Amino acid sequence: MKKTLLTLFALLIIISIWAEDNQENKEDKIPWIKYEKLSVGTDSSLEVMTWNIQNFPKHKFTVELAAKIISSINPDVIGLQEMESDEDFYKMLKKLQELEPNSDWKGYRATSDSWDQNLAYLYKASVLENVKIYEIYTDDEKYHLPFPRKPLVMEFDFNGEDFVIINNHFKARTGKKNEDRRRKAVHLIKEYIDTKLPNQEVFVLGDMNDSITDEADKNVFTEILNDTINYKFTDLEIASDPMENWSYPYWKYRGHLDHILITNELFDEFSHKNSDIRVIPLDKFTEGGNDGTYKYITDHRPVILKLAM
C-alpha cells in the first residue's frame, strides 16, 4: 500500500512538473499576427497615427510586437500614450531602426508624468524634417486638473510644408468631475490653437477618453464640434457607427475614445479621394483575438489618418 501511494505521489509530481513546463513553453511562444493585413502607409501620402500602448510594455513580447505592428502599418509619425518605460521605449525605437534602416526612425518620450504614463512620438526622420518637440500647459498648479498628462507638441516639415501635432491623454473615467476636466482640456487646446496657431496645419490626437457623439449638452467636445468652419474630427463617421471598428473594443466600456482632429487648413487634403481614416483592428489579425492583444500588447487599437498630399 505504501509503495502504491509513493508511486502515485511520484506520478503527481511528474505531471505537475510537466504541466508547469508546458505552460512556460506556451508563455514563451510569441503569438502570430497577420502583419500583411495591417498596411496603410504609402510614399505619396502623410500618415499620422495615435496609439495608446497600455502601460508599455505590459508583456515581455510587447516591444517586439509593437515595433513589427508599427512597421507593418507604415505611418510617418505616431503620437503614443502610456509609455511607462523609458528603456523599453528606446528598445522599441531600436527595433524599428533594425526593421526599417532606410526610414531613419527617431523618437522622443516625455518624462513629466509622476505615474510614468508619459506621452511620446515616433517618426521617420527620412521624410520629416526640422522636428521640434515640447510640452504646453506645464504649470501644474493651474493645469493639472485638465491635463494630468501635459500635451506634447511636435512641429515638423513634410514635403516643404509646416505641420503641428498636439498629442494628448485626457483624464479617464465617467462622472461629472472627470467630464468637466476633459471639457476644460478641450477648451484650452482650442484656445491654444486659436491664439498661437491660427493659420497652421494642425492635428490634435490621442486617447481623449470620451465619445465625440454624445448629445451636445453632455458632450465634452461640443465647443470644437460646433466650430465646423475651423475644426473637423476625421473619425466622426467611425464614432457614429456602432458597427465600425471602434478604438476601445473591450467589455462594457466598449467605445471610440481615440481621436484625430484637424484644423481647416487640412480640410482639402482630407476630402481627397485617396485620403482615409481608419481604426486598425489588431485583435482580428492576432492569435487569441481580443484576449491575445489585451494580454501581449494593449487594450487600445491604433487610429491612423492618411492624407493625400
Protein backbone atom coordinates (compact mmCIF):
# COMPACT_ATOMS: atom_id res chain seq x y z
CA MET A 1 0.00 0.00 0.00
CA LYS A 2 2.80 2.41 0.94
CA LYS A 3 4.60 1.56 -2.28
CA THR A 4 1.45 2.28 -4.29
CA LEU A 5 0.97 5.66 -2.58
CA LEU A 6 4.60 6.57 -3.14
CA THR A 7 4.30 5.67 -6.81
CA LEU A 8 1.10 7.72 -7.14
CA PHE A 9 2.73 10.66 -5.36
CA ALA A 10 5.74 10.47 -7.70
CA LEU A 11 3.44 10.43 -10.73
CA LEU A 12 1.58 13.51 -9.46
CA ILE A 13 4.88 15.35 -9.06
CA ILE A 14 5.95 14.39 -12.60
CA ILE A 15 2.58 15.51 -14.03
CA SER A 16 2.78 18.78 -12.10
CA ILE A 17 6.31 19.48 -13.39
CA TRP A 18 5.25 18.59 -16.95
CA ALA A 19 2.21 20.87 -16.75
CA GLU A 20 4.32 23.74 -15.41
CA ASP A 21 6.95 23.30 -18.12
CA ASN A 22 4.28 23.06 -20.77
CA GLN A 23 2.67 26.28 -19.53
CA GLU A 24 6.04 28.03 -19.57
CA ASN A 25 6.62 26.85 -23.13
CA LYS A 26 3.22 28.23 -24.12
CA GLU A 27 4.04 31.53 -22.41
CA ASP A 28 7.36 31.69 -24.25
CA LYS A 29 5.74 31.33 -27.67
CA ILE A 30 5.22 34.71 -29.28
CA PRO A 31 1.71 34.96 -30.78
CA TRP A 32 1.33 35.19 -34.54
CA ILE A 33 -0.03 38.33 -36.19
CA LYS A 34 -1.11 38.69 -39.81
CA TYR A 35 1.14 41.70 -40.36
CA GLU A 36 0.33 41.85 -44.08
CA LYS A 37 -3.25 42.83 -43.17
CA LEU A 38 -2.14 46.00 -41.34
CA SER A 39 -0.56 48.08 -44.11
CA VAL A 40 -1.80 51.65 -44.64
CA GLY A 41 1.12 53.95 -45.43
CA THR A 42 2.32 54.94 -48.91
CA ASP A 43 5.14 57.07 -50.29
CA SER A 44 2.69 59.62 -51.72
CA SER A 45 0.78 60.43 -48.51
CA LEU A 46 1.29 61.62 -44.95
CA GLU A 47 0.20 59.13 -42.29
CA VAL A 48 -0.42 60.35 -38.75
CA MET A 49 -1.30 57.76 -36.11
CA THR A 50 -2.34 57.71 -32.45
CA TRP A 51 -1.95 54.64 -30.25
CA ASN A 52 -2.26 54.00 -26.53
CA ILE A 53 0.05 51.04 -25.83
CA GLN A 54 -1.25 50.31 -22.34
CA ASN A 55 1.34 50.50 -19.52
CA PHE A 56 4.05 49.94 -22.10
CA PRO A 57 5.34 47.29 -22.05
CA LYS A 58 2.77 45.04 -20.39
CA HIS A 59 4.46 41.79 -21.52
CA LYS A 60 7.94 40.64 -22.45
CA PHE A 61 6.78 40.33 -26.08
CA THR A 62 5.25 43.82 -26.29
CA VAL A 63 8.33 45.66 -27.54
CA GLU A 64 8.89 43.32 -30.47
CA LEU A 65 5.20 43.01 -31.34
CA ALA A 66 4.57 46.75 -31.20
CA ALA A 67 7.60 47.52 -33.38
CA LYS A 68 6.53 44.99 -36.01
CA ILE A 69 2.94 46.30 -35.93
CA ILE A 70 4.11 49.89 -36.43
CA SER A 71 6.44 48.88 -39.25
CA SER A 72 3.62 46.95 -40.93
CA ILE A 73 1.10 49.80 -40.65
CA ASN A 74 3.81 52.13 -42.01
CA PRO A 75 2.86 55.56 -40.58
CA ASP A 76 5.15 58.58 -40.87
CA VAL A 77 4.57 59.80 -37.32
CA ILE A 78 2.88 58.34 -34.25
CA GLY A 79 1.62 60.00 -31.09
CA LEU A 80 1.84 57.42 -28.29
CA GLN A 81 0.27 57.30 -24.84
CA GLU A 82 1.12 55.34 -21.66
CA MET A 83 4.82 54.96 -22.39
CA GLU A 84 5.68 53.72 -18.92
CA SER A 85 9.24 52.50 -19.51
CA ASP A 86 11.86 54.81 -20.96
CA GLU A 87 14.26 51.92 -21.51
CA ASP A 88 11.71 49.84 -23.39
CA PHE A 89 10.53 52.81 -25.44
CA TYR A 90 14.04 53.14 -26.83
CA LYS A 91 14.28 49.38 -27.30
CA MET A 92 11.18 49.64 -29.49
CA LEU A 93 12.78 52.52 -31.38
CA LYS A 94 15.94 50.44 -31.93
CA LYS A 95 13.83 47.53 -33.18
CA LEU A 96 12.12 49.85 -35.68
CA GLN A 97 15.50 51.09 -36.85
CA GLU A 98 16.57 47.48 -37.44
CA LEU A 99 13.34 46.67 -39.30
CA GLU A 100 13.47 49.80 -41.46
CA PRO A 101 17.02 51.20 -41.71
CA ASN A 102 16.06 53.47 -44.63
CA SER A 103 13.29 55.20 -42.65
CA ASP A 104 15.71 56.61 -40.05
CA TRP A 105 13.21 56.23 -37.20
CA LYS A 106 13.62 58.71 -34.32
CA GLY A 107 11.73 59.06 -31.05
CA TYR A 108 11.04 61.25 -28.07
CA ARG A 109 9.42 60.29 -24.76
CA ALA A 110 8.29 62.90 -22.22
CA THR A 111 9.22 62.34 -18.57
CA SER A 112 6.93 64.75 -16.72
CA ASP A 113 4.14 62.40 -15.62
CA SER A 114 4.52 61.40 -11.98
CA TRP A 115 2.88 58.00 -12.70
CA ASP A 116 5.16 57.39 -15.71
CA GLN A 117 2.17 57.28 -18.09
CA ASN A 118 4.08 59.50 -20.48
CA LEU A 119 3.33 60.74 -23.97
CA ALA A 120 5.79 60.11 -26.79
CA TYR A 121 6.44 60.36 -30.52
CA LEU A 122 7.99 58.06 -33.08
CA TYR A 123 8.66 59.44 -36.54
CA LYS A 124 10.51 58.81 -39.78
CA ALA A 125 13.34 61.30 -40.00
CA SER A 126 13.75 60.24 -43.63
CA VAL A 127 10.57 62.18 -44.53
CA LEU A 128 10.01 64.57 -41.59
CA GLU A 129 12.41 67.49 -41.19
CA ASN A 130 13.05 70.32 -38.71
CA VAL A 131 11.37 68.41 -35.91
CA LYS A 132 10.78 70.25 -32.63
CA ILE A 133 9.02 68.66 -29.63
CA TYR A 134 7.88 70.37 -26.42
CA GLU A 135 5.15 70.37 -23.75
CA ILE A 136 2.48 73.01 -23.24
CA TYR A 137 0.32 73.93 -20.23
CA THR A 138 3.19 72.90 -17.99
CA ASP A 139 2.16 74.80 -14.85
CA ASP A 140 0.78 72.02 -12.63
CA GLU A 141 -0.83 74.43 -10.18
CA LYS A 142 -3.00 75.85 -12.96
CA TYR A 143 -3.40 72.97 -15.37
CA HIS A 144 -3.07 69.60 -13.62
CA LEU A 145 -6.84 69.06 -13.46
CA PRO A 146 -7.49 69.43 -17.21
CA PHE A 147 -4.13 67.90 -18.15
CA PRO A 148 -2.96 65.07 -15.87
CA ARG A 149 -0.51 64.43 -18.73
CA LYS A 150 0.86 67.61 -20.30
CA PRO A 151 0.02 67.92 -24.02
CA LEU A 152 3.06 67.12 -26.14
CA VAL A 153 3.52 69.24 -29.26
CA MET A 154 5.51 68.27 -32.32
CA GLU A 155 6.37 70.69 -35.12
CA PHE A 156 7.78 69.35 -38.39
CA ASP A 157 8.16 69.90 -42.12
CA PHE A 158 6.85 67.42 -44.68
CA ASN A 159 7.31 68.00 -48.41
CA GLY A 160 8.10 71.65 -47.74
CA GLU A 161 5.01 72.31 -45.61
CA ASP A 162 4.87 73.05 -41.87
CA PHE A 163 2.68 70.92 -39.60
CA VAL A 164 1.90 70.74 -35.88
CA ILE A 165 0.65 67.77 -33.85
CA ILE A 166 -0.71 68.06 -30.30
CA ASN A 167 -0.65 64.68 -28.55
CA ASN A 168 -2.98 64.20 -25.55
CA HIS A 169 -4.09 61.71 -22.94
CA PHE A 170 -7.14 63.17 -21.19
CA LYS A 171 -8.46 62.21 -17.76
CA ALA A 172 -10.20 58.84 -17.73
CA ARG A 173 -13.42 57.56 -16.13
CA THR A 174 -17.04 58.67 -16.04
CA GLY A 175 -18.68 61.15 -13.67
CA LYS A 176 -19.21 64.90 -13.81
CA LYS A 177 -15.86 65.85 -12.25
CA ASN A 178 -13.88 63.85 -14.80
CA GLU A 179 -16.06 65.03 -17.68
CA ASP A 180 -15.55 68.64 -16.58
CA ARG A 181 -11.78 68.07 -16.58
CA ARG A 182 -11.94 66.79 -20.16
CA ARG A 183 -14.24 69.63 -21.20
CA LYS A 184 -11.75 72.17 -19.79
CA ALA A 185 -8.90 70.40 -21.62
CA VAL A 186 -10.81 70.69 -24.91
CA HIS A 187 -11.37 74.40 -24.30
CA LEU A 188 -7.68 75.02 -23.55
CA ILE A 189 -6.48 73.07 -26.61
CA LYS A 190 -8.84 75.06 -28.82
CA GLU A 191 -7.73 78.30 -27.19
CA TYR A 192 -4.08 77.42 -27.78
CA ILE A 193 -4.66 76.73 -31.47
CA ASP A 194 -6.90 79.77 -31.99
CA THR A 195 -4.39 82.15 -30.43
CA LYS A 196 -0.97 80.63 -31.18
CA LEU A 197 -1.53 78.54 -34.32
CA PRO A 198 -4.36 80.33 -36.15
CA ASN A 199 -3.06 79.65 -39.67
CA GLN A 200 -1.12 76.42 -39.09
CA GLU A 201 -1.93 72.93 -40.34
CA VAL A 202 -2.68 71.26 -37.00
CA PHE A 203 -3.52 67.72 -35.89
CA VAL A 204 -4.88 67.08 -32.39
CA LEU A 205 -4.79 63.42 -31.46
CA GLY A 206 -4.65 60.99 -28.58
CA ASP A 207 -6.57 58.93 -26.08
CA MET A 208 -9.22 61.50 -25.18
CA ASN A 209 -11.24 59.08 -23.04
CA ASP A 210 -14.62 60.25 -24.24
CA SER A 211 -17.08 59.96 -27.10
CA ILE A 212 -17.48 62.63 -29.77
CA THR A 213 -21.06 61.51 -30.49
CA ASP A 214 -22.76 62.26 -27.15
CA GLU A 215 -25.67 64.69 -27.04
CA ALA A 216 -24.46 68.29 -27.16
CA ASP A 217 -25.29 69.13 -23.53
CA LYS A 218 -23.28 66.10 -22.33
CA ASN A 219 -20.54 66.14 -24.97
CA VAL A 220 -17.17 67.36 -23.68
CA PHE A 221 -16.17 68.21 -27.29
CA THR A 222 -19.18 70.42 -28.07
CA GLU A 223 -17.11 73.63 -28.25
CA ILE A 224 -14.98 72.16 -31.04
CA LEU A 225 -17.80 70.25 -32.75
CA ASN A 226 -19.79 73.49 -33.03
CA ASP A 227 -16.88 75.25 -34.77
CA THR A 228 -17.29 73.45 -38.08
CA ILE A 229 -15.58 76.26 -40.00
CA ASN A 230 -12.25 75.68 -38.27
CA TYR A 231 -12.23 72.11 -36.94
CA LYS A 232 -13.15 68.59 -38.02
CA PHE A 233 -12.93 65.24 -36.25
CA THR A 234 -11.71 62.99 -39.05
CA ASP A 235 -13.06 59.92 -37.24
CA LEU A 236 -16.61 61.22 -36.65
CA GLU A 237 -18.18 58.71 -39.06
CA ILE A 238 -16.36 55.85 -37.34
CA ALA A 239 -17.56 57.04 -33.94
CA SER A 240 -21.15 57.42 -35.21
CA ASP A 241 -21.48 53.84 -36.45
CA PRO A 242 -21.72 51.12 -33.76
CA MET A 243 -20.86 48.51 -36.40
CA GLU A 244 -17.50 50.15 -37.08
CA ASN A 245 -14.18 49.12 -35.55
CA TRP A 246 -14.06 51.38 -32.50
CA SER A 247 -10.74 52.12 -30.85
CA TYR A 248 -11.58 50.53 -27.49
CA PRO A 249 -13.25 47.13 -28.07
CA TYR A 250 -13.35 45.73 -24.55
CA TRP A 251 -16.20 44.74 -22.26
CA LYS A 252 -18.80 47.17 -21.00
CA TYR A 253 -16.52 50.13 -21.75
CA ARG A 254 -16.51 49.44 -25.48
CA GLY A 255 -16.42 52.71 -27.36
CA HIS A 256 -14.48 55.02 -29.64
CA LEU A 257 -12.18 57.02 -27.37
CA ASP A 258 -9.11 57.78 -29.51
CA HIS A 259 -9.49 60.62 -32.00
CA ILE A 260 -7.70 62.65 -34.67
CA LEU A 261 -8.86 66.25 -35.07
CA ILE A 262 -7.69 68.57 -37.87
CA THR A 263 -7.89 72.31 -38.49
CA ASN A 264 -9.42 73.81 -41.63
CA GLU A 265 -6.03 74.20 -43.29
CA LEU A 266 -6.16 70.40 -43.80
CA PHE A 267 -9.78 70.06 -44.92
CA ASP A 268 -8.93 69.92 -48.65
CA GLU A 269 -6.36 67.17 -48.14
CA PHE A 270 -8.80 65.17 -46.02
CA SER A 271 -11.52 65.42 -48.69
CA HIS A 272 -9.19 63.97 -51.34
CA LYS A 273 -10.40 60.63 -52.71
CA ASN A 274 -7.16 58.92 -51.69
CA SER A 275 -7.24 60.15 -48.09
CA ASP A 276 -8.53 57.84 -45.40
CA ILE A 277 -9.15 57.49 -41.66
CA ARG A 278 -9.38 54.08 -40.04
CA VAL A 279 -9.03 52.10 -36.86
CA ILE A 280 -6.67 49.14 -37.16
CA PRO A 281 -8.47 46.11 -35.62
CA LEU A 282 -5.34 44.33 -34.37
CA ASP A 283 -7.39 41.76 -32.48
CA LYS A 284 -8.87 40.45 -35.74
CA PHE A 285 -5.41 39.63 -37.05
CA THR A 286 -3.74 38.43 -33.82
CA GLU A 287 -3.61 34.95 -32.34
CA GLY A 288 -6.13 34.83 -29.49
CA GLY A 289 -8.17 37.79 -30.77
CA ASN A 290 -9.15 40.32 -28.11
CA ASP A 291 -7.59 38.21 -25.37
CA GLY A 292 -4.31 37.98 -27.28
CA THR A 293 -3.93 41.69 -27.97
CA TYR A 294 -5.01 42.56 -24.43
CA LYS A 295 -2.51 40.17 -22.86
CA TYR A 296 0.51 40.80 -25.05
CA ILE A 297 0.14 44.35 -26.39
CA THR A 298 -2.58 46.80 -25.30
CA ASP A 299 -6.28 47.44 -24.80
CA HIS A 300 -6.50 50.15 -27.49
CA ARG A 301 -6.48 49.86 -31.26
CA PRO A 302 -4.38 52.30 -33.34
CA VAL A 303 -6.18 55.07 -35.23
CA ILE A 304 -4.45 56.30 -38.39
CA LEU A 305 -5.16 59.20 -40.73
CA LYS A 306 -3.78 59.06 -44.29
CA LEU A 307 -3.73 62.37 -46.15
CA ALA A 308 -3.04 62.51 -49.87
CA MET A 309 -0.57 65.35 -50.33
